[in-house]
Amino acid sequence: MPVIQFSHSQKTKTINDEPNPSDKKIIIEHLKKDEFASIDHNLIFKPEISKIDFYRLKEMDFSWEVLKPLSEKVTAYCEENELNHRIGIKILTEEQKALYFWWYLDAQVTNGGFSQFIYNGYDKYFPAILNGLKLLPDQKYYNLIEKVYLYYIQEGLENLDRNEVDYFENKFYENDFLSDADELYYKLNKQLYIDFEVFIRKNQSKYIKPIENKFSGEIFEKKANGIEESLFVVDGIPNGYYEKKEKGIFIEKLKYENGIVIEENTYTDGVLLEKITINNIDSTKVKLIFFPNGNIKEENLMKIKSKNNWVSITQKKFFDNGNIEFESWTDNELKKNLKKYFLDGTVKSHSRKWENKDDSSITQTDYLICYDENKKQTLINGKGIFLGSNQSGDNIYEYIVNCEDYKANGESLIYEDGVIWLKENYVKGMKDGIEIEYDEKGNEKKRSEYKTGQYIGKIK
């Protein structure tokens, strides 16, 4: 099958072009044809949602908590009364429909873009989605979807025959306009989650059975599945502990401070498995993982880099007897240190890695201390052999590095699960010479050449 050919407007129209008055008239006429606009005010359904979830959940999670019972009710109402979706949706308010239909768009576009939304048949919801987005105070979301819908109309995609067009073979997804629209939506949708939450809370009488916005006190809820939850709230904002139990056994415990989580505790069979403490003043958090006996297994200090993106500052792992197994940290010279220990707590090895100031793609490692399994020193004053190992997934890698003046110098061997995987050569800490890569059976696979840390090329 040939690649789908769009009309010349694909080349001239861009997502940044604003609709002209004629375009606006086209949109207005199409929105009048919204097949899902009917509302029966005698049948409006407003679910009773969990008070704890109402006060505790945010953004996308909050919207889903409101949407889930609405979606389930529409499906059940249609099935019980043998109605199609267009008729059954009449039990929702205009505001509920705004959330209901936008969710279809968000799920499709964030998964595969507007091309997937259209090809999968959700394009029939365009008018309903736009009529819903009109209700939001910020119209930038409406404006974007309006441009996509206008393009969809003018390109004749309303008449798309999916029996004749294969999404992949015809490369239906290859469309510059829709791809640009995808990128804009990805930049907006996180704020849209926030704005929808705010809109629902301000208009909660249109969505759910009333919940007091400024409630203060402890809330306790027991669910049909045996789950018990409790939450302290002050003026409608979580302050204190949220606890979740099953048959009296802890599953989760959070601590809130003015609506922000500052402590997270996760349990397995009632035993504390993980604890995260968040310091919102210096934007750091400490993550602790525990052994079943209660001893700390891992300790990780992290600092926030951007929203939901944390970087590790220091990390420690421990043996189940309480002794430290290894620790890593970045020192004042911005060198990342890795120190390993024997089961009895004595030092096994210490190395530190750093980047070349002129070329960050070149890294070097200082080898400071090393003892073999018999606790015999193999590296003295930076000269000798450094022995290292690490695990990646199910694979264990072992290193044998010849050193001089605390740097790799000479042959370096790396084994994967006991089989030779890589042979390298170093000169004063810089990869220099021939590198040989081996297959899983230890047979030579490839040779490459390096010079003072720089890759020269593959040797044929």
Protein backbone atom coordinates (compact mmCIF):
# COMPACT_ATOMS: atom_id res chain seq x y z
CA MET A 1 0.00 0.00 0.00
CA PRO A 2 1.25 3.53 -0.71
CA VAL A 3 2.06 6.12 1.94
CA ILE A 4 -0.98 8.24 2.79
CA GLN A 5 -0.85 11.49 0.84
CA PHE A 6 -2.28 14.55 2.57
CA SER A 7 -3.35 17.61 0.64
CA HIS A 8 -1.18 20.65 0.02
CA SER A 9 -2.44 22.25 3.24
CA GLN A 10 -0.15 19.92 5.19
CA LYS A 11 2.79 21.83 3.77
CA THR A 12 1.43 25.31 4.40
CA LYS A 13 -0.65 25.06 7.56
CA THR A 14 1.24 24.85 10.87
CA ILE A 15 0.11 24.33 14.43
CA ASN A 16 1.09 27.94 15.16
CA ASP A 17 -1.40 29.37 12.63
CA GLU A 18 -4.46 30.92 14.27
CA PRO A 19 -7.89 30.07 12.81
CA ASN A 20 -9.40 32.90 10.78
CA PRO A 21 -13.10 33.95 11.06
CA SER A 22 -14.06 31.51 8.32
CA ASP A 23 -12.30 28.69 10.16
CA LYS A 24 -14.09 29.65 13.36
CA LYS A 25 -17.45 29.34 11.62
CA ILE A 26 -16.54 25.84 10.46
CA ILE A 27 -15.70 24.82 14.03
CA ILE A 28 -18.89 26.36 15.44
CA GLU A 29 -21.05 24.47 12.95
CA HIS A 30 -19.33 21.19 13.73
CA LEU A 31 -19.61 21.66 17.49
CA LYS A 32 -23.36 22.05 17.09
CA LYS A 33 -23.33 18.45 15.85
CA ASP A 34 -22.05 17.10 19.17
CA GLU A 35 -23.84 13.74 19.34
CA PHE A 36 -23.08 13.37 23.05
CA ALA A 37 -24.53 16.70 24.23
CA SER A 38 -27.90 15.38 25.46
CA ILE A 39 -28.49 15.65 29.23
CA ASP A 40 -31.42 14.27 31.24
CA HIS A 41 -31.38 16.31 34.45
CA ASN A 42 -33.72 13.82 36.11
CA LEU A 43 -31.16 11.04 35.72
CA ILE A 44 -27.92 12.88 36.61
CA PHE A 45 -25.53 10.60 38.49
CA LYS A 46 -23.22 12.02 41.13
CA PRO A 47 -21.02 9.46 42.86
CA GLU A 48 -20.06 9.44 46.51
CA ILE A 49 -16.27 9.24 46.56
CA SER A 50 -13.93 8.55 49.44
CA LYS A 51 -13.42 11.60 51.66
CA ILE A 52 -9.86 10.49 52.29
CA ASP A 53 -9.17 10.35 48.56
CA PHE A 54 -10.90 13.71 48.09
CA TYR A 55 -8.53 15.42 50.53
CA ARG A 56 -5.40 13.40 49.77
CA LEU A 57 -5.20 12.78 46.01
CA LYS A 58 -3.84 15.29 43.52
CA GLU A 59 -3.89 16.04 39.80
CA MET A 60 -4.31 12.95 37.60
CA ASP A 61 -4.99 10.61 40.55
CA PHE A 62 -7.72 12.93 41.85
CA SER A 63 -9.38 13.25 38.44
CA TRP A 64 -9.36 9.47 38.00
CA GLU A 65 -10.98 8.99 41.41
CA VAL A 66 -13.85 11.19 40.22
CA LEU A 67 -13.99 9.75 36.70
CA LYS A 68 -13.86 6.04 37.55
CA PRO A 69 -17.38 5.79 39.11
CA LEU A 70 -18.79 8.02 36.33
CA SER A 71 -17.36 5.75 33.64
CA GLU A 72 -18.56 2.61 35.40
CA LYS A 73 -22.05 4.06 35.86
CA VAL A 74 -22.37 5.05 32.17
CA THR A 75 -21.30 1.56 31.09
CA ALA A 76 -23.72 -0.12 33.49
CA TYR A 77 -26.60 2.22 32.54
CA CYS A 78 -26.09 1.51 28.83
CA GLU A 79 -25.97 -2.25 29.38
CA GLU A 80 -28.99 -2.36 31.73
CA ASN A 81 -31.13 -0.26 29.41
CA GLU A 82 -29.69 -1.60 26.12
CA LEU A 83 -28.65 1.90 25.08
CA ASN A 84 -25.77 3.01 22.91
CA HIS A 85 -23.10 5.33 24.26
CA ARG A 86 -24.60 8.44 22.65
CA ILE A 87 -27.84 8.00 24.57
CA GLY A 88 -26.43 6.58 27.81
CA ILE A 89 -24.10 9.51 28.36
CA LYS A 90 -27.14 11.71 29.12
CA ILE A 91 -26.85 10.80 32.83
CA LEU A 92 -23.74 13.03 33.13
CA THR A 93 -23.60 16.79 33.62
CA GLU A 94 -21.85 19.07 31.16
CA GLU A 95 -18.93 19.35 33.60
CA GLN A 96 -18.71 15.59 34.10
CA LYS A 97 -18.63 15.11 30.32
CA ALA A 98 -15.72 17.55 30.05
CA LEU A 99 -13.63 15.21 32.21
CA TYR A 100 -15.09 12.04 30.70
CA PHE A 101 -14.29 12.82 27.06
CA TRP A 102 -10.99 14.63 27.65
CA TRP A 103 -9.72 11.47 29.33
CA TYR A 104 -10.15 9.56 26.05
CA LEU A 105 -8.03 12.12 24.24
CA ASP A 106 -5.33 12.28 26.90
CA ALA A 107 -4.94 8.50 27.05
CA GLN A 108 -4.59 8.17 23.27
CA VAL A 109 -2.42 11.21 22.59
CA THR A 110 0.06 10.53 25.40
CA ASN A 111 0.35 6.95 24.16
CA GLY A 112 0.63 7.45 20.40
CA GLY A 113 -0.23 11.02 19.47
CA PHE A 114 -3.20 12.62 17.71
CA SER A 115 -2.73 10.27 14.75
CA GLN A 116 -3.48 7.31 17.03
CA PHE A 117 -6.45 9.16 18.58
CA ILE A 118 -7.91 9.70 15.11
CA TYR A 119 -7.07 6.31 13.61
CA ASN A 120 -8.44 4.37 16.61
CA GLY A 121 -11.85 5.97 16.08
CA TYR A 122 -11.88 8.41 18.97
CA ASP A 123 -12.23 11.30 16.49
CA LYS A 124 -16.01 11.09 16.95
CA TYR A 125 -15.42 12.67 20.37
CA PHE A 126 -13.80 15.84 19.00
CA PRO A 127 -16.95 18.02 19.42
CA ALA A 128 -17.64 16.68 22.91
CA ILE A 129 -14.03 17.24 23.96
CA LEU A 130 -13.98 20.81 22.66
CA ASN A 131 -17.34 21.65 24.24
CA GLY A 132 -15.94 20.37 27.51
CA LEU A 133 -12.62 22.22 27.31
CA LYS A 134 -14.59 25.45 26.72
CA LEU A 135 -15.59 25.28 30.38
CA LEU A 136 -12.03 25.55 31.69
CA PRO A 137 -10.83 29.07 32.61
CA ASP A 138 -7.59 28.66 30.65
CA GLN A 139 -8.45 28.37 26.96
CA LYS A 140 -5.02 27.33 25.70
CA TYR A 141 -6.06 23.66 25.82
CA TYR A 142 -9.22 24.36 23.82
CA ASN A 143 -7.25 26.42 21.30
CA LEU A 144 -4.81 23.59 20.61
CA ILE A 145 -7.49 20.93 20.13
CA GLU A 146 -9.52 23.35 18.01
CA LYS A 147 -6.58 23.68 15.58
CA VAL A 148 -6.19 19.91 15.39
CA TYR A 149 -9.92 19.47 14.77
CA LEU A 150 -9.90 22.14 12.07
CA TYR A 151 -6.99 20.41 10.36
CA TYR A 152 -8.81 17.09 10.68
CA ILE A 153 -11.89 18.58 8.96
CA GLN A 154 -10.02 20.40 6.20
CA GLU A 155 -7.87 17.37 5.39
CA GLY A 156 -10.97 15.22 4.96
CA LEU A 157 -10.02 12.83 7.75
CA GLU A 158 -13.69 12.69 8.76
CA ASN A 159 -14.07 10.30 5.83
CA LEU A 160 -11.08 8.10 6.67
CA ASP A 161 -11.70 4.50 5.56
CA ARG A 162 -9.80 2.36 8.05
CA ASN A 163 -10.43 -0.72 5.91
CA GLU A 164 -8.29 0.86 3.19
CA VAL A 165 -5.66 2.51 5.39
CA ASP A 166 -3.23 0.53 7.53
CA TYR A 167 -1.80 2.58 10.39
CA PHE A 168 1.70 1.14 10.06
CA GLU A 169 1.97 0.05 6.44
CA ASN A 170 0.55 3.34 5.19
CA LYS A 171 2.53 5.28 7.83
CA PHE A 172 -0.59 7.13 8.92
CA TYR A 173 1.37 8.45 11.89
CA GLU A 174 3.82 10.33 9.64
CA ASN A 175 2.24 13.77 9.64
CA ASP A 176 4.13 16.95 10.48
CA PHE A 177 1.12 18.94 11.63
CA LEU A 178 -0.14 16.26 14.00
CA SER A 179 3.39 15.59 15.28
CA ASP A 180 3.82 19.28 16.11
CA ALA A 181 0.46 19.19 17.87
CA ASP A 182 1.65 16.17 19.87
CA GLU A 183 4.70 18.07 21.09
CA LEU A 184 2.59 21.01 22.21
CA TYR A 185 0.15 18.75 24.01
CA TYR A 186 2.93 16.95 25.86
CA LYS A 187 4.10 20.33 27.17
CA LEU A 188 0.61 21.28 28.30
CA ASN A 189 -0.93 18.11 29.67
CA LYS A 190 0.79 18.13 33.08
CA GLN A 191 -0.63 21.56 33.78
CA LEU A 192 -3.95 20.36 32.40
CA TYR A 193 -4.05 17.65 35.10
CA ILE A 194 -3.61 20.39 37.69
CA ASP A 195 -6.20 22.67 36.11
CA PHE A 196 -8.77 19.89 35.87
CA GLU A 197 -8.31 19.10 39.56
CA VAL A 198 -8.83 22.77 40.45
CA PHE A 199 -11.88 22.98 38.18
CA ILE A 200 -13.46 19.86 39.71
CA ARG A 201 -12.88 21.08 43.26
CA LYS A 202 -14.40 24.48 42.47
CA ASN A 203 -17.39 22.81 40.82
CA GLN A 204 -17.67 19.70 42.94
CA SER A 205 -21.49 20.00 43.15
CA LYS A 206 -21.52 19.28 39.41
CA TYR A 207 -19.39 16.16 39.80
CA ILE A 208 -19.91 14.33 43.09
CA LYS A 209 -22.00 14.24 46.24
CA PRO A 210 -20.95 17.18 48.46
CA ILE A 211 -17.83 16.94 50.62
CA GLU A 212 -16.91 19.73 53.05
CA ASN A 213 -13.93 21.63 51.65
CA LYS A 214 -12.71 22.97 55.02
CA PHE A 215 -13.18 19.90 57.20
CA SER A 216 -10.84 19.45 60.20
CA GLY A 217 -10.36 16.23 62.12
CA GLU A 218 -9.62 12.54 61.64
CA ILE A 219 -11.37 10.54 58.93
CA PHE A 220 -11.70 6.78 59.17
CA GLU A 221 -13.01 4.60 56.33
CA LYS A 222 -13.49 0.84 56.15
CA LYS A 223 -13.87 -0.57 52.66
CA ALA A 224 -15.68 -3.70 51.49
CA ASN A 225 -12.40 -5.46 50.63
CA GLY A 226 -11.21 -5.29 54.25
CA ILE A 227 -8.97 -2.26 53.70
CA GLU A 228 -9.01 0.37 56.45
CA GLU A 229 -7.78 3.93 55.95
CA SER A 230 -7.43 6.94 58.22
CA LEU A 231 -6.29 10.52 57.61
CA PHE A 232 -5.84 13.70 59.68
CA VAL A 233 -7.09 16.85 57.96
CA VAL A 234 -6.93 20.53 58.96
CA ASP A 235 -9.10 22.97 56.98
CA GLY A 236 -9.40 20.43 54.17
CA ILE A 237 -5.64 19.93 53.90
CA PRO A 238 -3.89 16.71 55.01
CA ASN A 239 -1.80 17.38 58.13
CA GLY A 240 -0.52 14.41 60.06
CA TYR A 241 -0.65 10.73 59.20
CA TYR A 242 -2.44 8.76 56.51
CA GLU A 243 -2.58 5.04 57.39
CA LYS A 244 -3.67 2.12 55.25
CA LYS A 245 -4.18 -1.33 56.78
CA GLU A 246 -5.57 -4.70 55.79
CA LYS A 247 -7.07 -6.70 58.65
CA GLY A 248 -5.16 -4.49 61.06
CA ILE A 249 -1.80 -5.00 59.32
CA PHE A 250 0.00 -1.97 57.90
CA ILE A 251 0.26 -1.62 54.11
CA GLU A 252 1.23 2.04 53.88
CA LYS A 253 1.79 5.02 56.16
CA LEU A 254 2.37 8.60 55.02
CA LYS A 255 3.00 11.79 56.95
CA TYR A 256 1.68 15.09 55.56
CA GLU A 257 2.70 18.63 56.35
CA ASN A 258 0.34 21.28 54.90
CA GLY A 259 -0.77 18.88 52.20
CA ILE A 260 2.74 17.80 51.21
CA VAL A 261 4.08 14.31 51.90
CA ILE A 262 7.21 14.46 54.07
CA GLU A 263 7.41 10.77 54.99
CA GLU A 264 6.46 7.57 53.18
CA ASN A 265 6.44 4.11 54.78
CA THR A 266 5.74 0.94 52.79
CA TYR A 267 5.15 -2.47 54.39
CA THR A 268 5.09 -6.13 53.36
CA ASP A 269 3.04 -8.42 55.59
CA GLY A 270 3.12 -5.67 58.21
CA VAL A 271 6.92 -5.43 58.20
CA LEU A 272 8.46 -2.07 57.25
CA LEU A 273 10.09 -2.52 53.84
CA GLU A 274 10.88 1.05 52.77
CA LYS A 275 10.91 4.50 54.36
CA ILE A 276 11.34 7.81 52.55
CA THR A 277 11.82 11.07 54.45
CA ILE A 278 11.52 14.28 52.45
CA ASN A 279 13.01 17.64 53.46
CA ASN A 280 11.22 20.30 51.42
CA ILE A 281 13.44 23.09 52.78
CA ASP A 282 16.69 21.87 51.22
CA SER A 283 14.95 19.71 48.56
CA THR A 284 16.48 16.44 49.71
CA LYS A 285 15.11 13.06 50.66
CA VAL A 286 16.49 9.97 52.36
CA LYS A 287 15.32 6.56 51.18
CA LEU A 288 15.81 3.57 53.49
CA ILE A 289 15.19 -0.06 52.52
CA PHE A 290 15.09 -2.67 55.29
CA PHE A 291 15.86 -6.36 55.73
CA PRO A 292 13.04 -8.49 57.23
CA ASN A 293 14.99 -8.46 60.52
CA GLY A 294 14.63 -4.67 60.69
CA ASN A 295 18.24 -3.81 59.83
CA ILE A 296 18.85 -1.24 57.12
CA LYS A 297 19.60 -2.79 53.73
CA GLU A 298 20.09 0.41 51.67
CA GLU A 299 20.34 4.10 52.46
CA ASN A 300 20.16 6.67 49.68
CA LEU A 301 20.38 10.46 50.07
CA MET A 302 18.92 12.24 47.03
CA LYS A 303 18.50 15.84 45.95
CA ILE A 304 15.78 17.07 43.62
CA LYS A 305 16.94 18.10 40.15
CA SER A 306 13.51 18.91 38.72
CA LYS A 307 9.94 17.86 39.48
CA ASN A 308 9.85 14.08 40.07
CA ASN A 309 13.52 13.85 39.08
CA TRP A 310 15.91 13.07 41.94
CA VAL A 311 19.66 12.45 41.75
CA SER A 312 21.62 10.37 44.23
CA ILE A 313 24.10 12.23 46.47
CA THR A 314 25.25 9.40 48.71
CA GLN A 315 24.33 5.74 48.71
CA LYS A 316 25.05 2.95 51.18
CA LYS A 317 24.30 -0.79 51.19
CA PHE A 318 24.55 -3.00 54.25
CA PHE A 319 24.92 -6.68 55.05
CA ASP A 320 22.01 -8.17 57.02
CA ASN A 321 24.27 -8.26 60.11
CA GLY A 322 24.24 -4.44 60.12
CA ASN A 323 27.76 -3.89 58.75
CA ILE A 324 28.21 -1.67 55.72
CA GLU A 325 28.72 -3.44 52.35
CA PHE A 326 29.50 -0.43 50.15
CA GLU A 327 29.06 3.33 49.99
CA SER A 328 29.27 5.87 47.19
CA TRP A 329 29.50 9.65 47.37
CA THR A 330 30.74 12.67 45.45
CA ASP A 331 33.62 14.51 47.10
CA ASN A 332 34.60 18.19 47.02
CA GLU A 333 36.58 17.63 43.80
CA LEU A 334 33.39 16.28 42.14
CA LYS A 335 34.90 12.81 42.00
CA LYS A 336 32.46 9.94 42.61
CA ASN A 337 33.87 7.60 45.26
CA LEU A 338 32.99 3.93 45.63
CA LYS A 339 34.12 2.11 48.76
CA LYS A 340 33.45 -1.60 49.41
CA TYR A 341 33.74 -3.61 52.63
CA PHE A 342 34.09 -7.20 53.82
CA LEU A 343 31.33 -8.85 55.85
CA ASP A 344 33.13 -7.96 59.10
CA GLY A 345 33.12 -4.25 58.20
CA THR A 346 36.78 -3.88 57.18
CA VAL A 347 37.64 -2.06 53.94
CA LYS A 348 37.84 -4.16 50.77
CA SER A 349 38.44 -1.53 48.04
CA HIS A 350 38.19 2.17 47.30
CA SER A 351 38.09 3.86 43.89
CA ARG A 352 36.95 7.22 42.57
CA LYS A 353 35.78 8.17 39.11
CA TRP A 354 35.90 11.58 37.48
CA GLU A 355 35.41 13.31 34.15
CA ASN A 356 38.07 14.97 32.04
CA LYS A 357 37.60 18.75 32.37
CA ASP A 358 38.11 19.34 28.66
CA ASP A 359 36.05 16.39 27.38
CA SER A 360 33.27 15.00 29.60
CA SER A 361 33.04 11.90 27.40
CA ILE A 362 36.44 10.86 28.77
CA THR A 363 36.35 9.47 32.30
CA GLN A 364 39.23 8.39 34.49
CA THR A 365 39.39 6.36 37.65
CA ASP A 366 41.73 6.60 40.64
CA TYR A 367 42.41 3.21 42.29
CA LEU A 368 43.24 3.84 45.94
CA ILE A 369 42.86 0.66 48.04
CA CYS A 370 42.28 -3.03 47.27
CA TYR A 371 42.39 -6.35 49.14
CA ASP A 372 41.63 -9.82 47.74
CA GLU A 373 39.18 -12.28 49.30
CA ASN A 374 41.93 -13.47 51.68
CA LYS A 375 42.35 -9.84 52.81
CA LYS A 376 45.76 -9.66 51.22
CA GLN A 377 46.61 -6.21 49.92
CA THR A 378 46.92 -6.24 46.12
CA LEU A 379 47.38 -2.50 45.61
CA ILE A 380 50.12 -0.73 47.57
CA ASN A 381 50.74 3.00 47.14
CA GLY A 382 48.76 2.96 43.90
CA LYS A 383 50.76 0.10 42.33
CA GLY A 384 49.54 -3.46 41.75
CA ILE A 385 46.18 -4.98 40.91
CA PHE A 386 42.71 -3.62 41.59
CA LEU A 387 39.93 -6.23 41.87
CA GLY A 388 36.35 -5.09 41.44
CA SER A 389 32.88 -6.45 40.75
CA ASN A 390 29.33 -5.29 40.20
CA GLN A 391 25.98 -6.77 39.27
CA SER A 392 23.83 -5.52 36.38
CA GLY A 393 20.49 -7.30 36.19
CA ASP A 394 21.22 -11.03 36.42
CA ASN A 395 24.82 -10.62 35.23
CA ILE A 396 27.89 -10.35 37.47
CA TYR A 397 30.93 -8.50 36.14
CA GLU A 398 34.42 -8.90 37.62
CA TYR A 399 37.37 -6.57 36.93
CA ILE A 400 41.11 -7.15 37.08
CA VAL A 401 42.97 -3.85 36.54
CA ASN A 402 46.73 -3.41 36.49
CA CYS A 403 47.64 -0.10 38.13
CA GLU A 404 50.56 2.32 38.36
CA ASP A 405 50.52 5.60 40.30
CA TYR A 406 46.85 4.98 41.33
CA LYS A 407 45.71 4.74 37.70
CA ALA A 408 45.01 1.91 35.26
CA ASN A 409 48.20 1.12 33.41
CA GLY A 410 48.61 -1.94 31.22
CA GLU A 411 46.15 -4.76 30.68
CA SER A 412 42.65 -4.67 32.18
CA LEU A 413 40.27 -7.65 32.05
CA ILE A 414 36.50 -7.78 32.54
CA TYR A 415 34.63 -11.07 33.03
CA GLU A 416 30.89 -11.57 32.61
CA ASP A 417 29.55 -14.43 34.74
CA GLY A 418 33.03 -15.95 34.87
CA VAL A 419 33.74 -15.73 31.10
CA ILE A 420 36.13 -13.20 29.59
CA TRP A 421 34.12 -10.35 28.04
CA LEU A 422 36.52 -7.46 27.48
CA LYS A 423 40.29 -6.96 27.34
CA GLU A 424 41.48 -3.33 27.42
CA ASN A 425 44.80 -1.54 27.59
CA TYR A 426 45.52 1.67 29.52
CA VAL A 427 48.39 4.15 29.67
CA LYS A 428 48.39 6.44 32.73
CA GLY A 429 44.64 6.08 33.23
CA MET A 430 43.68 6.62 29.60
CA LYS A 431 42.40 3.84 27.35
CA ASP A 432 45.17 3.42 24.81
CA GLY A 433 45.81 0.58 22.39
CA ILE A 434 43.76 -2.44 21.32
CA GLU A 435 40.44 -3.37 22.94
CA ILE A 436 39.13 -6.91 22.35
CA GLU A 437 35.48 -7.86 22.95
CA TYR A 438 34.49 -11.53 23.40
CA ASP A 439 31.21 -13.42 22.94
CA GLU A 440 29.37 -15.41 25.63
CA LYS A 441 31.63 -18.42 24.97
CA GLY A 442 34.84 -16.45 25.32
CA ASN A 443 35.63 -16.32 21.61
CA GLU A 444 37.00 -13.11 20.13
CA LYS A 445 34.18 -11.00 18.67
CA LYS A 446 35.55 -7.54 17.84
CA ARG A 447 38.69 -5.42 18.00
CA SER A 448 38.81 -1.63 18.39
CA GLU A 449 41.59 0.90 18.73
CA TYR A 450 41.90 3.79 21.23
CA LYS A 451 44.44 6.59 21.58
CA THR A 452 44.76 8.64 24.80
CA GLY A 453 41.12 7.91 25.70
CA GLN A 454 39.69 8.60 22.25
CA TYR A 455 38.00 5.94 20.11
CA ILE A 456 39.91 5.58 16.82
CA GLY A 457 37.80 2.92 15.15
CA LYS A 458 37.03 -0.73 14.65
CA ILE A 459 39.84 -2.97 13.43
CA LYS A 460 38.68 -5.23 10.62
